[in-house]
Amino acid sequence: MACSNTMTGIPSECKDSIGGIKAAYIAEHADLTFPLTETLNVITAITMAVGKTFKPFVFRKETGNFASTINSDDAAGTTFVQSEIVLQFTKQETAKRLEIAALMVGNCAVIIEDGNGKYWFFGEDFPVVLTAGSAASGTALGDFNGYNITLTDKSKALPKEVDADIIAGLLPA
């Protein structure tokens, strides 16, 4: 193999992993300084413009997820990863509509906390953008009323883990 990658194998794991995401934090891509600081392929520091932070986008449990798809073309010699972050926000209201409108025209960086308490960074190679969304009123009293959005990241590699110790410093006080 001509590449400089070294494989060591993947060991069997305990069955203690769960799905879903707990939290989404979104910032303007331009407010971050790249490259990010890494130690052993984990992001250990994120430098932001003075006064800028990641903003929490809060949603109900079991209504958000992310999935990363590896796309490879052997003939072209290319490989990239497309990650889609899907979030659902209950109740249509002006404040949420305005935040979604900002995402529609913005370029973002996103940190996701998964169901296992691990943090993942999206937007390292290119900004994350809103690529789909909908607003629904529902029909019956028990139907969903709110917004669904999809944020898409295209990158050279799978999302990198973020050291949990730096998260509090990236959020509003």
C-alpha atoms as a PDB file:
ATOM      1  CA  MET A   1       0.000   0.000   0.000  1.00  0.00           C
ATOM      2  CA  ALA A   2       1.462   3.350  -1.059  1.00  0.00           C
ATOM      3  CA  CYS A   3      -0.430   5.378   1.580  1.00  0.00           C
ATOM      4  CA  SER A   4       1.176   6.181   4.921  1.00  0.00           C
ATOM      5  CA  ASN A   5      -1.763   4.908   6.979  1.00  0.00           C
ATOM      6  CA  THR A   6      -1.107   2.257   9.616  1.00  0.00           C
ATOM      7  CA  MET A   7      -3.832  -0.174  10.564  1.00  0.00           C
ATOM      8  CA  THR A   8      -3.906  -1.778  14.005  1.00  0.00           C
ATOM      9  CA  GLY A   9      -7.323  -3.463  13.940  1.00  0.00           C
ATOM     10  CA  ILE A  10     -10.549  -2.812  15.834  1.00  0.00           C
ATOM     11  CA  PRO A  11     -11.157  -4.804  19.031  1.00  0.00           C
ATOM     12  CA  SER A  12     -14.518  -6.120  20.194  1.00  0.00           C
ATOM     13  CA  GLU A  13     -16.375  -3.726  22.501  1.00  0.00           C
ATOM     14  CA  CYS A  14     -18.792  -4.148  25.384  1.00  0.00           C
ATOM     15  CA  LYS A  15     -22.489  -3.715  24.571  1.00  0.00           C
ATOM     16  CA  ASP A  16     -22.815  -0.434  26.486  1.00  0.00           C
ATOM     17  CA  SER A  17     -23.299   2.044  23.641  1.00  0.00           C
ATOM     18  CA  ILE A  18     -26.572   3.887  22.962  1.00  0.00           C
ATOM     19  CA  GLY A  19     -27.867   5.875  20.020  1.00  0.00           C
ATOM     20  CA  GLY A  20     -29.137   9.401  19.626  1.00  0.00           C
ATOM     21  CA  ILE A  21     -27.732  12.790  20.429  1.00  0.00           C
ATOM     22  CA  LYS A  22     -28.128  14.904  23.549  1.00  0.00           C
ATOM     23  CA  ALA A  23     -27.062  18.352  22.389  1.00  0.00           C
ATOM     24  CA  ALA A  24     -26.115  20.468  19.373  1.00  0.00           C
ATOM     25  CA  TYR A  25     -23.895  23.546  19.600  1.00  0.00           C
ATOM     26  CA  ILE A  26     -23.579  25.788  16.544  1.00  0.00           C
ATOM     27  CA  ALA A  27     -21.220  28.687  15.791  1.00  0.00           C
ATOM     28  CA  GLU A  28     -20.421  30.841  12.793  1.00  0.00           C
ATOM     29  CA  HIS A  29     -17.636  29.091  10.867  1.00  0.00           C
ATOM     30  CA  ALA A  30     -15.812  32.412  10.379  1.00  0.00           C
ATOM     31  CA  ASP A  31     -15.567  32.869  14.174  1.00  0.00           C
ATOM     32  CA  LEU A  32     -13.200  29.876  14.523  1.00  0.00           C
ATOM     33  CA  THR A  33      -9.460  29.825  13.840  1.00  0.00           C
ATOM     34  CA  PHE A  34      -8.235  26.847  11.810  1.00  0.00           C
ATOM     35  CA  PRO A  35      -6.423  24.513  12.093  1.00  0.00           C
ATOM     36  CA  LEU A  36      -7.867  23.254  15.360  1.00  0.00           C
ATOM     37  CA  THR A  37      -5.512  21.946  18.046  1.00  0.00           C
ATOM     38  CA  GLU A  38      -5.342  18.152  18.200  1.00  0.00           C
ATOM     39  CA  THR A  39      -3.670  15.565  20.395  1.00  0.00           C
ATOM     40  CA  LEU A  40      -3.824  11.921  19.289  1.00  0.00           C
ATOM     41  CA  ASN A  41      -6.581  12.751  16.745  1.00  0.00           C
ATOM     42  CA  VAL A  42      -8.840  14.328  19.413  1.00  0.00           C
ATOM     43  CA  ILE A  43      -9.549  18.070  19.238  1.00  0.00           C
ATOM     44  CA  THR A  44      -8.123  19.535  22.440  1.00  0.00           C
ATOM     45  CA  ALA A  45      -8.555  23.270  21.753  1.00  0.00           C
ATOM     46  CA  ILE A  46     -10.794  25.443  19.597  1.00  0.00           C
ATOM     47  CA  THR A  47      -9.832  29.100  19.238  1.00  0.00           C
ATOM     48  CA  MET A  48     -12.646  31.556  18.592  1.00  0.00           C
ATOM     49  CA  ALA A  49     -12.892  35.281  17.896  1.00  0.00           C
ATOM     50  CA  VAL A  50     -13.198  37.413  21.025  1.00  0.00           C
ATOM     51  CA  GLY A  51     -16.705  37.312  22.482  1.00  0.00           C
ATOM     52  CA  LYS A  52     -17.896  34.577  20.129  1.00  0.00           C
ATOM     53  CA  THR A  53     -19.263  31.220  21.348  1.00  0.00           C
ATOM     54  CA  PHE A  54     -21.094  28.128  20.212  1.00  0.00           C
ATOM     55  CA  LYS A  55     -24.844  28.495  20.807  1.00  0.00           C
ATOM     56  CA  PRO A  56     -26.945  25.634  22.183  1.00  0.00           C
ATOM     57  CA  PHE A  57     -29.770  24.430  19.944  1.00  0.00           C
ATOM     58  CA  VAL A  58     -32.045  22.531  22.340  1.00  0.00           C
ATOM     59  CA  PHE A  59     -34.396  19.761  21.200  1.00  0.00           C
ATOM     60  CA  ARG A  60     -36.320  16.926  22.831  1.00  0.00           C
ATOM     61  CA  LYS A  61     -34.644  13.580  23.469  1.00  0.00           C
ATOM     62  CA  GLU A  62     -34.786  10.997  20.706  1.00  0.00           C
ATOM     63  CA  THR A  63     -35.503  13.600  18.007  1.00  0.00           C
ATOM     64  CA  GLY A  64     -31.966  14.271  16.722  1.00  0.00           C
ATOM     65  CA  ASN A  65     -29.252  12.234  15.068  1.00  0.00           C
ATOM     66  CA  PHE A  66     -26.238  12.377  12.826  1.00  0.00           C
ATOM     67  CA  ALA A  67     -24.982   9.954  10.232  1.00  0.00           C
ATOM     68  CA  SER A  68     -21.722  10.029   8.284  1.00  0.00           C
ATOM     69  CA  THR A  69     -21.444   8.347   4.895  1.00  0.00           C
ATOM     70  CA  ILE A  70     -18.084   7.557   3.314  1.00  0.00           C
ATOM     71  CA  ASN A  71     -18.073   8.213  -0.443  1.00  0.00           C
ATOM     72  CA  SER A  72     -15.219   6.704  -2.454  1.00  0.00           C
ATOM     73  CA  ASP A  73     -14.496   6.556  -6.175  1.00  0.00           C
ATOM     74  CA  ASP A  74     -11.580   4.225  -6.846  1.00  0.00           C
ATOM     75  CA  ALA A  75     -11.318   5.220 -10.514  1.00  0.00           C
ATOM     76  CA  ALA A  76     -11.096   8.923  -9.642  1.00  0.00           C
ATOM     77  CA  GLY A  77      -8.933   8.275  -6.575  1.00  0.00           C
ATOM     78  CA  THR A  78     -11.219  10.331  -4.333  1.00  0.00           C
ATOM     79  CA  THR A  79     -12.773   9.783  -0.942  1.00  0.00           C
ATOM     80  CA  PHE A  80     -14.841  12.160   1.161  1.00  0.00           C
ATOM     81  CA  VAL A  81     -17.340  11.949   4.010  1.00  0.00           C
ATOM     82  CA  GLN A  82     -20.790  13.527   4.010  1.00  0.00           C
ATOM     83  CA  SER A  83     -22.355  13.918   7.449  1.00  0.00           C
ATOM     84  CA  GLU A  84     -25.971  14.885   7.977  1.00  0.00           C
ATOM     85  CA  ILE A  85     -27.188  16.257  11.303  1.00  0.00           C
ATOM     86  CA  VAL A  86     -30.973  16.059  11.668  1.00  0.00           C
ATOM     87  CA  LEU A  87     -32.647  18.099  14.412  1.00  0.00           C
ATOM     88  CA  GLN A  88     -36.308  18.503  15.338  1.00  0.00           C
ATOM     89  CA  PHE A  89     -37.612  21.504  17.271  1.00  0.00           C
ATOM     90  CA  THR A  90     -41.137  21.344  18.676  1.00  0.00           C
ATOM     91  CA  LYS A  91     -43.638  24.212  18.465  1.00  0.00           C
ATOM     92  CA  GLN A  92     -43.545  26.711  15.624  1.00  0.00           C
ATOM     93  CA  GLU A  93     -42.716  30.171  16.919  1.00  0.00           C
ATOM     94  CA  THR A  94     -40.964  33.314  15.719  1.00  0.00           C
ATOM     95  CA  ALA A  95     -37.724  32.927  17.705  1.00  0.00           C
ATOM     96  CA  LYS A  96     -37.119  29.457  16.253  1.00  0.00           C
ATOM     97  CA  ARG A  97     -38.094  30.570  12.752  1.00  0.00           C
ATOM     98  CA  LEU A  98     -35.536  33.401  12.926  1.00  0.00           C
ATOM     99  CA  GLU A  99     -32.754  31.064  14.091  1.00  0.00           C
ATOM    100  CA  ILE A 100     -33.538  28.655  11.254  1.00  0.00           C
ATOM    101  CA  ALA A 101     -33.593  31.573   8.788  1.00  0.00           C
ATOM    102  CA  ALA A 102     -30.076  32.512   9.971  1.00  0.00           C
ATOM    103  CA  LEU A 103     -28.928  28.918   9.468  1.00  0.00           C
ATOM    104  CA  MET A 104     -30.391  28.980   5.940  1.00  0.00           C
ATOM    105  CA  VAL A 105     -27.897  31.628   4.830  1.00  0.00           C
ATOM    106  CA  GLY A 106     -25.041  30.909   7.224  1.00  0.00           C
ATOM    107  CA  ASN A 107     -21.854  28.889   7.229  1.00  0.00           C
ATOM    108  CA  CYS A 108     -21.481  26.984  10.479  1.00  0.00           C
ATOM    109  CA  ALA A 109     -19.323  24.812  12.668  1.00  0.00           C
ATOM    110  CA  VAL A 110     -21.188  22.281  14.819  1.00  0.00           C
ATOM    111  CA  ILE A 111     -20.379  20.248  17.906  1.00  0.00           C
ATOM    112  CA  ILE A 112     -22.698  17.341  18.704  1.00  0.00           C
ATOM    113  CA  GLU A 113     -22.884  15.489  22.018  1.00  0.00           C
ATOM    114  CA  ASP A 114     -23.944  11.923  21.323  1.00  0.00           C
ATOM    115  CA  GLY A 115     -25.949   9.630  23.593  1.00  0.00           C
ATOM    116  CA  ASN A 116     -22.722   8.259  25.077  1.00  0.00           C
ATOM    117  CA  GLY A 117     -21.457  11.667  26.226  1.00  0.00           C
ATOM    118  CA  LYS A 118     -18.867  12.003  23.441  1.00  0.00           C
ATOM    119  CA  TYR A 119     -18.530  15.237  21.483  1.00  0.00           C
ATOM    120  CA  TRP A 120     -18.007  15.352  17.694  1.00  0.00           C
ATOM    121  CA  PHE A 121     -16.884  18.280  15.503  1.00  0.00           C
ATOM    122  CA  PHE A 122     -18.356  19.104  12.090  1.00  0.00           C
ATOM    123  CA  GLY A 123     -17.059  21.847   9.792  1.00  0.00           C
ATOM    124  CA  GLU A 124     -13.315  21.363   9.872  1.00  0.00           C
ATOM    125  CA  ASP A 125     -12.639  21.223   6.120  1.00  0.00           C
ATOM    126  CA  PHE A 126     -15.659  23.160   4.864  1.00  0.00           C
ATOM    127  CA  PRO A 127     -18.505  25.005   6.612  1.00  0.00           C
ATOM    128  CA  VAL A 128     -21.614  23.101   7.632  1.00  0.00           C
ATOM    129  CA  VAL A 129     -24.708  24.322   5.779  1.00  0.00           C
ATOM    130  CA  LEU A 130     -28.443  23.853   6.150  1.00  0.00           C
ATOM    131  CA  THR A 131     -29.512  21.658   3.219  1.00  0.00           C
ATOM    132  CA  ALA A 132     -33.110  20.730   4.081  1.00  0.00           C
ATOM    133  CA  GLY A 133     -35.894  21.679   6.419  1.00  0.00           C
ATOM    134  CA  SER A 134     -39.603  21.777   6.963  1.00  0.00           C
ATOM    135  CA  ALA A 135     -42.239  23.300   9.178  1.00  0.00           C
ATOM    136  CA  ALA A 136     -45.339  21.327  10.102  1.00  0.00           C
ATOM    137  CA  SER A 137     -48.521  22.096  12.023  1.00  0.00           C
ATOM    138  CA  GLY A 138     -49.773  18.529  12.297  1.00  0.00           C
ATOM    139  CA  THR A 139     -53.414  17.548  11.842  1.00  0.00           C
ATOM    140  CA  ALA A 140     -54.533  15.831  15.041  1.00  0.00           C
ATOM    141  CA  LEU A 141     -54.027  17.216  18.547  1.00  0.00           C
ATOM    142  CA  GLY A 142     -51.244  14.705  19.205  1.00  0.00           C
ATOM    143  CA  ASP A 143     -49.335  15.419  15.966  1.00  0.00           C
ATOM    144  CA  PHE A 144     -45.931  17.062  15.769  1.00  0.00           C
ATOM    145  CA  ASN A 145     -45.939  20.855  15.465  1.00  0.00           C
ATOM    146  CA  GLY A 146     -42.557  22.401  14.763  1.00  0.00           C
ATOM    147  CA  TYR A 147     -39.478  22.395  12.571  1.00  0.00           C
ATOM    148  CA  ASN A 148     -37.157  19.745  11.149  1.00  0.00           C
ATOM    149  CA  ILE A 149     -33.748  20.748   9.771  1.00  0.00           C
ATOM    150  CA  THR A 150     -30.835  18.933   8.176  1.00  0.00           C
ATOM    151  CA  LEU A 151     -27.316  20.356   8.431  1.00  0.00           C
ATOM    152  CA  THR A 152     -24.727  18.888   6.050  1.00  0.00           C
ATOM    153  CA  ASP A 153     -20.955  18.678   6.422  1.00  0.00           C
ATOM    154  CA  LYS A 154     -18.613  17.497   3.680  1.00  0.00           C
ATOM    155  CA  SER A 155     -15.140  16.626   4.866  1.00  0.00           C
ATOM    156  CA  LYS A 156     -11.984  14.693   4.055  1.00  0.00           C
ATOM    157  CA  ALA A 157     -12.522  12.383   7.042  1.00  0.00           C
ATOM    158  CA  LEU A 158     -15.063  11.184   9.588  1.00  0.00           C
ATOM    159  CA  PRO A 159     -15.960  13.703  12.338  1.00  0.00           C
ATOM    160  CA  LYS A 160     -13.288  14.091  14.998  1.00  0.00           C
ATOM    161  CA  GLU A 161     -13.927  13.686  18.694  1.00  0.00           C
ATOM    162  CA  VAL A 162     -13.707  16.823  20.849  1.00  0.00           C
ATOM    163  CA  ASP A 163     -12.207  16.654  24.343  1.00  0.00           C
ATOM    164  CA  ALA A 164     -15.141  17.076  26.776  1.00  0.00           C
ATOM    165  CA  ASP A 165     -12.977  19.278  29.018  1.00  0.00           C
ATOM    166  CA  ILE A 166     -13.037  22.175  26.517  1.00  0.00           C
ATOM    167  CA  ILE A 167     -16.806  22.313  25.876  1.00  0.00           C
ATOM    168  CA  ALA A 168     -17.786  24.598  28.792  1.00  0.00           C
ATOM    169  CA  GLY A 169     -15.267  27.218  27.602  1.00  0.00           C
ATOM    170  CA  LEU A 170     -16.887  27.327  24.164  1.00  0.00           C
ATOM    171  CA  LEU A 171     -20.430  28.061  25.400  1.00  0.00           C
ATOM    172  CA  PRO A 172     -22.083  31.302  26.593  1.00  0.00           C
ATOM    173  CA  ALA A 173     -21.475  32.047  30.264  1.00  0.00           C
END
